[in-house]
């Protein structure tokens, strides 16, 4: 916002200099003030229109870019979460199978019946 204000000030000085040279700084007498104000006001009209247009484009463009960036970050986070969920699910499934296999092998060593279904059947 400070940059936009500085740009606006420099643009205003450039427009006034372009129309009046450095005389716009010297026309401070009370008799010249109303005429100078009208000249300055008419000089500022295009500048105000351009400045407001630029400000709207910057704000709206920034909003669009920020929204796109936010959506991209959310998509990356969702994808990462999905991948981490798949890895965690595989690890949990493997742990269930290892536990089941250990129980089965222990039952076989002790020669007792083992009728617990495998994890995928549950």
C-alpha atoms as a PDB file:
ATOM      1  CA  UNK A   1       0.000   0.000   0.000  1.00  0.00           C
ATOM      2  CA  UNK A   2       2.898   2.331   0.760  1.00  0.00           C
ATOM      3  CA  UNK A   3       4.375   1.555  -2.646  1.00  0.00           C
ATOM      4  CA  UNK A   4       1.053   2.392  -4.287  1.00  0.00           C
ATOM      5  CA  UNK A   5       0.913   5.706  -2.406  1.00  0.00           C
ATOM      6  CA  UNK A   6       4.458   6.584  -3.475  1.00  0.00           C
ATOM      7  CA  UNK A   7       3.632   5.638  -7.061  1.00  0.00           C
ATOM      8  CA  UNK A   8       0.520   7.822  -6.919  1.00  0.00           C
ATOM      9  CA  UNK A   9       2.532  10.794  -5.582  1.00  0.00           C
ATOM     10  CA  UNK A  10       5.228  10.440  -8.226  1.00  0.00           C
ATOM     11  CA  UNK A  11       2.588  10.104 -10.941  1.00  0.00           C
ATOM     12  CA  UNK A  12       0.767  13.204  -9.684  1.00  0.00           C
ATOM     13  CA  UNK A  13       3.972  15.252  -9.701  1.00  0.00           C
ATOM     14  CA  UNK A  14       4.821  13.965 -13.182  1.00  0.00           C
ATOM     15  CA  UNK A  15       1.372  14.938 -14.516  1.00  0.00           C
ATOM     16  CA  UNK A  16       1.535  18.395 -12.935  1.00  0.00           C
ATOM     17  CA  UNK A  17       5.050  18.960 -14.238  1.00  0.00           C
ATOM     18  CA  UNK A  18       4.008  17.782 -17.695  1.00  0.00           C
ATOM     19  CA  UNK A  19       1.094  20.261 -17.806  1.00  0.00           C
ATOM     20  CA  UNK A  20       2.599  23.259 -16.018  1.00  0.00           C
ATOM     21  CA  UNK A  21       6.332  22.768 -15.638  1.00  0.00           C
ATOM     22  CA  UNK A  22       7.543  23.666 -12.158  1.00  0.00           C
ATOM     23  CA  UNK A  23       5.133  26.644 -12.121  1.00  0.00           C
ATOM     24  CA  UNK A  24       2.539  24.548 -10.293  1.00  0.00           C
ATOM     25  CA  UNK A  25       4.718  24.863  -7.184  1.00  0.00           C
ATOM     26  CA  UNK A  26       4.816  28.685  -7.364  1.00  0.00           C
ATOM     27  CA  UNK A  27       1.089  29.362  -7.892  1.00  0.00           C
ATOM     28  CA  UNK A  28       0.259  29.654  -4.200  1.00  0.00           C
ATOM     29  CA  UNK A  29      -0.996  33.240  -4.160  1.00  0.00           C
ATOM     30  CA  UNK A  30      -4.553  33.670  -2.881  1.00  0.00           C
ATOM     31  CA  UNK A  31      -5.673  35.186  -6.187  1.00  0.00           C
ATOM     32  CA  UNK A  32      -4.346  32.269  -8.187  1.00  0.00           C
ATOM     33  CA  UNK A  33      -5.498  29.533  -5.806  1.00  0.00           C
ATOM     34  CA  UNK A  34      -8.991  28.851  -7.269  1.00  0.00           C
ATOM     35  CA  UNK A  35      -7.696  28.691 -10.824  1.00  0.00           C
ATOM     36  CA  UNK A  36      -4.778  26.563  -9.755  1.00  0.00           C
ATOM     37  CA  UNK A  37      -7.118  24.239  -7.862  1.00  0.00           C
ATOM     38  CA  UNK A  38      -9.257  23.779 -10.967  1.00  0.00           C
ATOM     39  CA  UNK A  39      -6.181  23.124 -13.077  1.00  0.00           C
ATOM     40  CA  UNK A  40      -4.821  20.693 -10.520  1.00  0.00           C
ATOM     41  CA  UNK A  41      -8.226  18.994 -10.200  1.00  0.00           C
ATOM     42  CA  UNK A  42      -8.564  18.596 -13.951  1.00  0.00           C
ATOM     43  CA  UNK A  43      -4.999  17.278 -14.111  1.00  0.00           C
ATOM     44  CA  UNK A  44      -5.755  14.720 -11.430  1.00  0.00           C
ATOM     45  CA  UNK A  45      -8.914  13.302 -13.045  1.00  0.00           C
ATOM     46  CA  UNK A  46      -7.148  10.901 -15.447  1.00  0.00           C
ATOM     47  CA  UNK A  47      -4.625  10.057 -12.752  1.00  0.00           C
ATOM     48  CA  UNK A  48      -7.367   9.169 -10.282  1.00  0.00           C
ATOM     49  CA  UNK A  49      -9.110   6.949 -12.832  1.00  0.00           C
ATOM     50  CA  UNK A  50      -5.873   5.170 -13.686  1.00  0.00           C
ATOM     51  CA  UNK A  51      -4.854   4.853 -10.027  1.00  0.00           C
ATOM     52  CA  UNK A  52      -8.198   3.410  -8.980  1.00  0.00           C
ATOM     53  CA  UNK A  53      -8.100   0.989 -11.903  1.00  0.00           C
ATOM     54  CA  UNK A  54      -4.566  -0.101 -11.019  1.00  0.00           C
ATOM     55  CA  UNK A  55      -5.510  -0.474  -7.351  1.00  0.00           C
ATOM     56  CA  UNK A  56      -8.522  -2.636  -8.241  1.00  0.00           C
ATOM     57  CA  UNK A  57      -6.411  -4.779 -10.557  1.00  0.00           C
ATOM     58  CA  UNK A  58      -3.693  -5.200  -7.926  1.00  0.00           C
ATOM     59  CA  UNK A  59      -6.126  -6.075  -5.148  1.00  0.00           C
ATOM     60  CA  UNK A  60      -8.280  -8.382  -7.273  1.00  0.00           C
ATOM     61  CA  UNK A  61      -5.258  -9.916  -8.992  1.00  0.00           C
ATOM     62  CA  UNK A  62      -3.611 -10.490  -5.630  1.00  0.00           C
ATOM     63  CA  UNK A  63      -6.778 -12.127  -4.347  1.00  0.00           C
ATOM     64  CA  UNK A  64      -6.969 -14.415  -7.372  1.00  0.00           C
ATOM     65  CA  UNK A  65      -3.308 -15.378  -7.043  1.00  0.00           C
ATOM     66  CA  UNK A  66      -3.669 -15.947  -3.283  1.00  0.00           C
ATOM     67  CA  UNK A  67      -6.755 -18.141  -3.821  1.00  0.00           C
ATOM     68  CA  UNK A  68      -4.979 -20.197  -6.474  1.00  0.00           C
ATOM     69  CA  UNK A  69      -1.943 -20.610  -4.215  1.00  0.00           C
ATOM     70  CA  UNK A  70      -4.155 -21.601  -1.250  1.00  0.00           C
ATOM     71  CA  UNK A  71      -5.979 -24.197  -3.375  1.00  0.00           C
ATOM     72  CA  UNK A  72      -2.671 -25.588  -4.605  1.00  0.00           C
ATOM     73  CA  UNK A  73      -1.387 -25.901  -1.020  1.00  0.00           C
ATOM     74  CA  UNK A  74      -4.615 -27.580   0.082  1.00  0.00           C
ATOM     75  CA  UNK A  75      -4.404 -30.048  -2.803  1.00  0.00           C
ATOM     76  CA  UNK A  76      -0.790 -30.872  -1.934  1.00  0.00           C
ATOM     77  CA  UNK A  77      -1.715 -31.354   1.723  1.00  0.00           C
ATOM     78  CA  UNK A  78      -4.671 -33.562   0.775  1.00  0.00           C
ATOM     79  CA  UNK A  79      -2.494 -35.642  -1.541  1.00  0.00           C
ATOM     80  CA  UNK A  80       0.214 -35.953   1.118  1.00  0.00           C
ATOM     81  CA  UNK A  81      -2.389 -36.944   3.705  1.00  0.00           C
ATOM     82  CA  UNK A  82      -3.816 -39.532   1.323  1.00  0.00           C
ATOM     83  CA  UNK A  83      -0.367 -41.000   0.695  1.00  0.00           C
ATOM     84  CA  UNK A  84       0.441 -41.042   4.422  1.00  0.00           C
ATOM     85  CA  UNK A  85      -2.914 -42.709   5.086  1.00  0.00           C
ATOM     86  CA  UNK A  86      -2.140 -45.416   2.538  1.00  0.00           C
ATOM     87  CA  UNK A  87       1.269 -46.050   4.091  1.00  0.00           C
ATOM     88  CA  UNK A  88      -0.208 -46.169   7.599  1.00  0.00           C
ATOM     89  CA  UNK A  89      -2.961 -48.523   6.416  1.00  0.00           C
ATOM     90  CA  UNK A  90      -0.418 -50.854   4.831  1.00  0.00           C
ATOM     91  CA  UNK A  91       1.689 -50.843   8.013  1.00  0.00           C
ATOM     92  CA  UNK A  92      -1.348 -51.614  10.179  1.00  0.00           C
ATOM     93  CA  UNK A  93      -2.451 -54.412   7.833  1.00  0.00           C
ATOM     94  CA  UNK A  94       1.052 -55.896   7.877  1.00  0.00           C
ATOM     95  CA  UNK A  95       1.141 -55.715  11.693  1.00  0.00           C
ATOM     96  CA  UNK A  96      -2.230 -57.545  11.898  1.00  0.00           C
ATOM     97  CA  UNK A  97      -0.960 -60.260   9.570  1.00  0.00           C
ATOM     98  CA  UNK A  98       2.316 -60.634  11.513  1.00  0.00           C
ATOM     99  CA  UNK A  99       0.399 -60.909  14.791  1.00  0.00           C
ATOM    100  CA  UNK A 100      -1.963 -63.502  13.287  1.00  0.00           C
ATOM    101  CA  UNK A 101       0.966 -65.485  11.873  1.00  0.00           C
ATOM    102  CA  UNK A 102       2.760 -65.457  15.251  1.00  0.00           C
ATOM    103  CA  UNK A 103      -0.398 -66.737  16.963  1.00  0.00           C
ATOM    104  CA  UNK A 104      -0.787 -69.461  14.335  1.00  0.00           C
ATOM    105  CA  UNK A 105       2.856 -70.547  14.618  1.00  0.00           C
ATOM    106  CA  UNK A 106       2.638 -70.562  18.443  1.00  0.00           C
ATOM    107  CA  UNK A 107      -0.483 -72.738  18.265  1.00  0.00           C
ATOM    108  CA  UNK A 108       1.209 -75.139  15.850  1.00  0.00           C
ATOM    109  CA  UNK A 109       4.278 -75.413  18.123  1.00  0.00           C
ATOM    110  CA  UNK A 110       2.049 -76.127  21.116  1.00  0.00           C
ATOM    111  CA  UNK A 111      -0.016 -78.502  18.943  1.00  0.00           C
ATOM    112  CA  UNK A 112      -3.304 -76.865  19.824  1.00  0.00           C
ATOM    113  CA  UNK A 113      -6.073 -76.017  17.391  1.00  0.00           C
ATOM    114  CA  UNK A 114      -6.039 -72.586  15.747  1.00  0.00           C
ATOM    115  CA  UNK A 115      -9.310 -71.486  14.188  1.00  0.00           C
ATOM    116  CA  UNK A 116      -8.866 -67.700  14.180  1.00  0.00           C
ATOM    117  CA  UNK A 117      -9.606 -66.369  10.674  1.00  0.00           C
ATOM    118  CA  UNK A 118      -6.916 -64.393   8.860  1.00  0.00           C
ATOM    119  CA  UNK A 119      -7.121 -60.583   9.181  1.00  0.00           C
ATOM    120  CA  UNK A 120      -8.476 -60.014   5.674  1.00  0.00           C
ATOM    121  CA  UNK A 121     -11.486 -62.258   6.392  1.00  0.00           C
ATOM    122  CA  UNK A 122     -12.520 -60.058   9.340  1.00  0.00           C
END
